[in-house]
Amino acid sequence: MRLLLLPDVAELEAPRAYLTTTATRLMIDHVRRRKIEQAYLQATASIHADAYANSPEQCQEAIEALDAVVQLLEGLSDKARRAFLLSRLEGLPHAEIALQLGVSKSSVKQYIAGAMMHCYAVVHGEAGTKALAGSR
């Protein structure tokens, strides 16, 4: 972008040096930005540390939520469950999930879509699933 913003690129006496200097400065800017982000995150974490202290009630709510997720995913095949969790919890792309499960990317897509349909059916019942399938 910086190269495109120059008034006349042809007048550069040392284009290689210009590119090297520009790249170096961009890296320095990037490192500075990362340091500022880290400092901000650390400051925010220390300020709000008390707000995130887990009370017994919060622990119980977390256990209940996890139990609900386990019940929601019951009935899925192992690969479908793992693909869904790797996608939603770990944020892994389909290609990486496919490598971990030893299947194709299209299989991963099918596993995740099936898991979503399963979850929808558990939450909304069979009538909701039929309505969803009919809207396609």
Foldseek 3Di string as FASTA:
>chain_A
DVCVPDPDNVPDPCVVVVVVVVVVVVVVVVVVVVVVVVVVVVVVCVVCVVVPDDDPVNVVVVVVVVVVVVVLQPPADPLLVQLQCCCPVVVDQLVVSCVVVVHDSVVSVVSNVVSVLSSCCVVPNPVRSVVVVVVD
